[in-house]
N, C-alpha and C. Protein backbone atom coordinates (compact mmCIF):
# COMPACT_ATOMS: atom_id res chain seq x y z
N MET A 1 140.15 122.95 47.09
CA MET A 1 139.29 121.83 46.78
C MET A 1 138.47 121.50 48.02
N LYS A 2 137.25 121.11 47.78
CA LYS A 2 136.35 120.70 48.85
C LYS A 2 136.02 119.22 48.66
N THR A 3 136.01 118.48 49.76
CA THR A 3 135.60 117.08 49.69
C THR A 3 134.38 116.87 50.59
N THR A 4 133.48 116.07 50.10
CA THR A 4 132.32 115.65 50.87
C THR A 4 132.43 114.15 51.05
N ILE A 5 132.36 113.70 52.29
CA ILE A 5 132.53 112.28 52.59
C ILE A 5 131.20 111.71 53.06
N THR A 6 130.76 110.64 52.38
CA THR A 6 129.53 109.95 52.76
C THR A 6 129.81 108.45 52.77
N LYS A 7 128.88 107.70 53.33
CA LYS A 7 128.98 106.24 53.35
C LYS A 7 127.74 105.64 52.71
N ASP A 8 127.93 104.55 52.01
CA ASP A 8 126.84 103.78 51.44
C ASP A 8 127.19 102.32 51.64
N ASN A 9 126.49 101.67 52.57
CA ASN A 9 126.80 100.29 52.95
C ASN A 9 128.27 100.19 53.36
N ASN A 10 129.05 99.39 52.67
CA ASN A 10 130.45 99.18 53.03
C ASN A 10 131.39 99.99 52.13
N THR A 11 130.93 101.15 51.69
CA THR A 11 131.72 102.00 50.79
C THR A 11 131.79 103.42 51.35
N THR A 12 133.00 103.95 51.39
CA THR A 12 133.20 105.35 51.74
C THR A 12 133.38 106.12 50.45
N ILE A 13 132.59 107.18 50.30
CA ILE A 13 132.58 107.97 49.05
C ILE A 13 133.17 109.34 49.32
N PHE A 14 134.20 109.68 48.57
CA PHE A 14 134.78 111.02 48.60
C PHE A 14 134.35 111.73 47.32
N ALA A 15 133.50 112.74 47.44
CA ALA A 15 133.11 113.56 46.29
C ALA A 15 134.04 114.77 46.27
N LEU A 16 134.81 114.90 45.22
CA LEU A 16 135.80 115.97 45.10
C LEU A 16 135.23 117.11 44.27
N ASN A 17 135.44 118.32 44.76
CA ASN A 17 134.93 119.50 44.08
C ASN A 17 136.03 120.54 43.99
N GLY A 18 136.42 120.90 42.77
CA GLY A 18 137.45 121.92 42.58
C GLY A 18 138.68 121.36 41.92
N ARG A 19 139.84 121.76 42.46
CA ARG A 19 141.13 121.40 41.87
C ARG A 19 141.96 120.58 42.86
N LEU A 20 142.44 119.44 42.41
CA LEU A 20 143.35 118.63 43.21
C LEU A 20 144.76 118.89 42.68
N ASP A 21 145.43 119.83 43.33
CA ASP A 21 146.74 120.26 42.88
C ASP A 21 147.70 120.34 44.07
N SER A 22 148.85 120.93 43.86
CA SER A 22 149.86 120.98 44.93
C SER A 22 149.39 121.77 46.14
N ASN A 23 148.44 122.67 45.97
CA ASN A 23 147.91 123.42 47.11
C ASN A 23 146.93 122.60 47.94
N SER A 24 146.09 121.82 47.29
CA SER A 24 145.06 121.07 48.01
C SER A 24 145.47 119.63 48.34
N ALA A 25 146.50 119.12 47.69
CA ALA A 25 146.90 117.71 47.88
C ALA A 25 147.27 117.38 49.33
N PRO A 26 148.04 118.20 50.05
CA PRO A 26 148.40 117.82 51.42
C PRO A 26 147.18 117.63 52.34
N GLN A 27 146.21 118.51 52.24
CA GLN A 27 145.01 118.38 53.07
C GLN A 27 144.21 117.14 52.67
N PHE A 28 144.09 116.88 51.37
CA PHE A 28 143.37 115.70 50.90
C PHE A 28 144.06 114.43 51.38
N GLU A 29 145.38 114.41 51.31
CA GLU A 29 146.13 113.24 51.76
C GLU A 29 145.92 113.01 53.26
N GLU A 30 145.83 114.07 54.02
CA GLU A 30 145.56 113.96 55.45
C GLU A 30 144.18 113.35 55.69
N GLU A 31 143.19 113.75 54.92
CA GLU A 31 141.84 113.19 55.04
C GLU A 31 141.84 111.69 54.73
N LEU A 32 142.75 111.26 53.88
CA LEU A 32 142.81 109.87 53.45
C LEU A 32 143.74 109.00 54.29
N GLN A 33 144.37 109.57 55.30
CA GLN A 33 145.42 108.87 56.04
C GLN A 33 144.99 107.49 56.53
N ASP A 34 143.81 107.37 57.11
CA ASP A 34 143.34 106.08 57.61
C ASP A 34 143.22 105.05 56.49
N PHE A 35 142.80 105.49 55.32
CA PHE A 35 142.65 104.58 54.18
C PHE A 35 144.01 104.16 53.62
N LEU A 36 145.00 105.03 53.74
CA LEU A 36 146.34 104.70 53.28
C LEU A 36 147.01 103.68 54.20
N VAL A 37 146.75 103.81 55.50
CA VAL A 37 147.39 102.95 56.49
C VAL A 37 146.67 101.61 56.62
N SER A 38 145.35 101.66 56.72
CA SER A 38 144.59 100.45 56.97
C SER A 38 143.19 100.54 56.35
N PRO A 39 143.06 100.20 55.08
CA PRO A 39 141.74 100.26 54.44
C PRO A 39 140.73 99.40 55.19
N CYS A 40 139.55 99.99 55.47
CA CYS A 40 138.54 99.25 56.23
C CYS A 40 137.18 99.26 55.55
N THR A 41 137.07 99.90 54.40
CA THR A 41 135.87 99.88 53.58
C THR A 41 136.30 99.98 52.12
N HIS A 42 135.36 99.73 51.21
CA HIS A 42 135.63 100.06 49.82
C HIS A 42 135.77 101.58 49.76
N LEU A 43 136.53 102.07 48.81
CA LEU A 43 136.75 103.50 48.66
C LEU A 43 136.38 103.93 47.25
N LEU A 44 135.56 104.95 47.16
CA LEU A 44 135.07 105.45 45.88
C LEU A 44 135.34 106.94 45.79
N PHE A 45 136.03 107.36 44.76
CA PHE A 45 136.24 108.78 44.49
C PHE A 45 135.28 109.20 43.39
N ASP A 46 134.39 110.12 43.72
CA ASP A 46 133.45 110.68 42.75
C ASP A 46 134.07 111.96 42.19
N PHE A 47 134.48 111.91 40.93
CA PHE A 47 135.18 113.02 40.29
C PHE A 47 134.25 113.92 39.48
N ASN A 48 132.96 113.80 39.67
CA ASN A 48 132.01 114.56 38.87
C ASN A 48 132.29 116.06 38.88
N ASN A 49 132.68 116.60 40.02
CA ASN A 49 132.93 118.03 40.13
C ASN A 49 134.40 118.38 40.27
N LEU A 50 135.28 117.43 39.94
CA LEU A 50 136.71 117.71 39.95
C LEU A 50 137.07 118.41 38.65
N GLU A 51 137.58 119.62 38.76
CA GLU A 51 137.88 120.43 37.58
C GLU A 51 139.28 120.19 37.03
N TYR A 52 140.20 119.78 37.91
CA TYR A 52 141.61 119.68 37.51
C TYR A 52 142.33 118.74 38.45
N ILE A 53 143.28 117.96 37.92
CA ILE A 53 144.15 117.13 38.76
C ILE A 53 145.58 117.28 38.27
N SER A 54 146.49 117.53 39.20
CA SER A 54 147.90 117.70 38.86
C SER A 54 148.67 116.44 39.22
N SER A 55 149.98 116.48 39.01
CA SER A 55 150.81 115.33 39.37
C SER A 55 150.77 115.08 40.87
N ALA A 56 150.60 116.11 41.67
CA ALA A 56 150.49 115.93 43.12
C ALA A 56 149.22 115.14 43.45
N GLY A 57 148.15 115.40 42.74
CA GLY A 57 146.92 114.65 42.93
C GLY A 57 147.06 113.22 42.45
N LEU A 58 147.72 113.02 41.32
CA LEU A 58 147.94 111.68 40.80
C LEU A 58 148.78 110.85 41.76
N ARG A 59 149.72 111.48 42.44
CA ARG A 59 150.56 110.76 43.41
C ARG A 59 149.69 110.20 44.53
N ILE A 60 148.72 110.98 45.00
CA ILE A 60 147.81 110.51 46.04
C ILE A 60 146.98 109.34 45.53
N ILE A 61 146.48 109.46 44.32
CA ILE A 61 145.69 108.38 43.71
C ILE A 61 146.54 107.10 43.63
N LEU A 62 147.79 107.24 43.22
CA LEU A 62 148.69 106.10 43.13
C LEU A 62 148.90 105.45 44.50
N ASN A 63 149.11 106.27 45.53
CA ASN A 63 149.31 105.73 46.88
C ASN A 63 148.08 105.00 47.38
N ILE A 64 146.90 105.53 47.08
CA ILE A 64 145.66 104.84 47.47
C ILE A 64 145.54 103.51 46.72
N ALA A 65 145.82 103.52 45.43
CA ALA A 65 145.73 102.29 44.64
C ALA A 65 146.69 101.23 45.19
N LYS A 66 147.88 101.63 45.60
CA LYS A 66 148.84 100.70 46.19
C LYS A 66 148.32 100.15 47.51
N ALA A 67 147.76 101.01 48.35
CA ALA A 67 147.23 100.56 49.64
C ALA A 67 146.11 99.55 49.45
N TYR A 68 145.28 99.76 48.45
CA TYR A 68 144.14 98.89 48.23
C TYR A 68 144.50 97.62 47.45
N LYS A 69 145.64 97.62 46.81
CA LYS A 69 146.04 96.45 46.03
C LYS A 69 146.25 95.23 46.92
N SER A 70 146.70 95.45 48.14
CA SER A 70 147.04 94.35 49.02
C SER A 70 145.96 94.03 50.05
N CYS A 71 144.74 94.50 49.83
CA CYS A 71 143.65 94.19 50.76
C CYS A 71 142.44 93.70 49.97
N HIS A 72 141.43 93.23 50.68
CA HIS A 72 140.27 92.67 49.99
C HIS A 72 139.20 93.71 49.66
N TYR A 73 139.39 94.95 50.09
CA TYR A 73 138.47 96.02 49.72
C TYR A 73 138.89 96.58 48.36
N LEU A 74 137.97 97.26 47.69
CA LEU A 74 138.24 97.80 46.35
C LEU A 74 138.30 99.32 46.38
N PHE A 75 139.12 99.87 45.49
CA PHE A 75 139.19 101.30 45.26
C PHE A 75 138.76 101.55 43.82
N VAL A 76 137.74 102.39 43.64
CA VAL A 76 137.25 102.72 42.31
C VAL A 76 137.00 104.22 42.21
N THR A 77 136.89 104.69 40.98
CA THR A 77 136.58 106.09 40.71
C THR A 77 135.38 106.16 39.77
N CYS A 78 134.79 107.34 39.70
CA CYS A 78 133.65 107.46 38.78
C CYS A 78 133.44 108.91 38.35
N ALA A 79 132.64 109.03 37.32
CA ALA A 79 132.09 110.30 36.84
C ALA A 79 133.16 111.34 36.51
N MET A 80 134.22 110.92 35.84
CA MET A 80 135.28 111.86 35.47
C MET A 80 134.85 112.75 34.32
N GLN A 81 135.16 114.02 34.46
CA GLN A 81 134.99 114.92 33.33
C GLN A 81 136.01 114.50 32.27
N GLU A 82 135.71 114.81 31.03
CA GLU A 82 136.53 114.34 29.92
C GLU A 82 138.00 114.71 30.06
N HIS A 83 138.30 115.94 30.45
CA HIS A 83 139.70 116.38 30.55
C HIS A 83 140.42 115.71 31.71
N VAL A 84 139.71 115.35 32.78
CA VAL A 84 140.33 114.62 33.89
C VAL A 84 140.59 113.18 33.45
N GLN A 85 139.64 112.57 32.77
CA GLN A 85 139.84 111.20 32.28
C GLN A 85 141.01 111.14 31.31
N GLU A 86 141.18 112.18 30.52
CA GLU A 86 142.30 112.23 29.58
C GLU A 86 143.63 112.19 30.34
N VAL A 87 143.72 112.87 31.47
CA VAL A 87 144.94 112.85 32.28
C VAL A 87 145.20 111.42 32.77
N PHE A 88 144.15 110.72 33.20
CA PHE A 88 144.30 109.34 33.65
C PHE A 88 144.75 108.44 32.50
N GLU A 89 144.23 108.66 31.32
CA GLU A 89 144.60 107.84 30.17
C GLU A 89 146.04 108.11 29.74
N ILE A 90 146.42 109.38 29.66
CA ILE A 90 147.77 109.74 29.24
C ILE A 90 148.81 109.22 30.23
N SER A 91 148.49 109.29 31.53
CA SER A 91 149.42 108.84 32.56
C SER A 91 149.42 107.32 32.73
N GLY A 92 148.45 106.63 32.12
CA GLY A 92 148.36 105.19 32.23
C GLY A 92 147.62 104.71 33.47
N PHE A 93 147.09 105.64 34.25
CA PHE A 93 146.38 105.26 35.48
C PHE A 93 145.11 104.47 35.19
N ASP A 94 144.54 104.66 34.02
CA ASP A 94 143.32 103.92 33.67
C ASP A 94 143.59 102.43 33.48
N SER A 95 144.86 102.04 33.42
CA SER A 95 145.19 100.62 33.26
C SER A 95 145.15 99.86 34.59
N PHE A 96 145.20 100.57 35.71
CA PHE A 96 145.17 99.88 37.00
C PHE A 96 144.16 100.45 37.99
N ILE A 97 143.40 101.45 37.57
CA ILE A 97 142.35 102.02 38.41
C ILE A 97 141.02 101.87 37.67
N THR A 98 140.04 101.32 38.37
CA THR A 98 138.72 101.14 37.78
C THR A 98 138.00 102.48 37.72
N ILE A 99 137.50 102.81 36.53
CA ILE A 99 136.77 104.06 36.32
C ILE A 99 135.37 103.71 35.83
N HIS A 100 134.37 104.06 36.63
CA HIS A 100 132.98 103.85 36.22
C HIS A 100 132.41 105.15 35.68
N ARG A 101 131.37 105.02 34.87
CA ARG A 101 130.76 106.20 34.25
C ARG A 101 130.01 107.06 35.26
N SER A 102 129.41 106.42 36.27
CA SER A 102 128.58 107.18 37.21
C SER A 102 128.72 106.63 38.62
N LEU A 103 128.25 107.41 39.57
CA LEU A 103 128.23 106.99 40.96
C LEU A 103 127.37 105.74 41.11
N ALA A 104 126.22 105.73 40.44
CA ALA A 104 125.32 104.58 40.52
C ALA A 104 125.99 103.31 39.99
N ASP A 105 126.73 103.42 38.89
CA ASP A 105 127.45 102.27 38.35
C ASP A 105 128.49 101.74 39.34
N SER A 106 129.19 102.66 39.99
CA SER A 106 130.20 102.27 40.97
C SER A 106 129.57 101.56 42.15
N LEU A 107 128.52 102.14 42.69
CA LEU A 107 127.86 101.54 43.85
C LEU A 107 127.27 100.18 43.51
N SER A 108 126.74 100.05 42.31
CA SER A 108 126.19 98.77 41.86
C SER A 108 127.31 97.72 41.78
N ALA A 109 128.46 98.11 41.26
CA ALA A 109 129.59 97.17 41.14
C ALA A 109 130.12 96.76 42.50
N LEU A 110 130.05 97.65 43.48
CA LEU A 110 130.58 97.35 44.81
C LEU A 110 129.56 96.66 45.71
N LYS A 111 128.30 96.74 45.35
CA LYS A 111 127.23 96.19 46.20
C LYS A 111 127.44 94.68 46.39
N GLY A 112 127.37 94.27 47.64
CA GLY A 112 127.52 92.86 47.96
C GLY A 112 128.95 92.36 48.04
N ARG A 113 129.91 93.21 47.73
CA ARG A 113 131.32 92.82 47.84
C ARG A 113 131.79 93.13 49.25
N GLU A 114 132.30 92.18 49.93
CA GLU A 114 132.77 92.40 51.32
C GLU A 114 134.22 92.77 51.33
């Protein structure tokens, strides 16, 4: 899996490309270490090019959601392919993680939030 990290105002955007599985999860978790320990910006995962997510990937998402639950910054996701969104729905993650339709919708929702 490849990640591209960009910033937009007070939001850090991780665009994921490929498969988030047991092979790629450790490296992705390492990239997210600062956000897990001390969130300092809003965090947005752009899943537009994510082809697959396994339980190892869901565990990382859960840990990020927990880290962001106790701070004033927000964690959101966007642009899920249908089969990835289905995994979130079946696992119940859609009940506690905000999923926007597009990157633009996510950025609009986060704009002006400190």
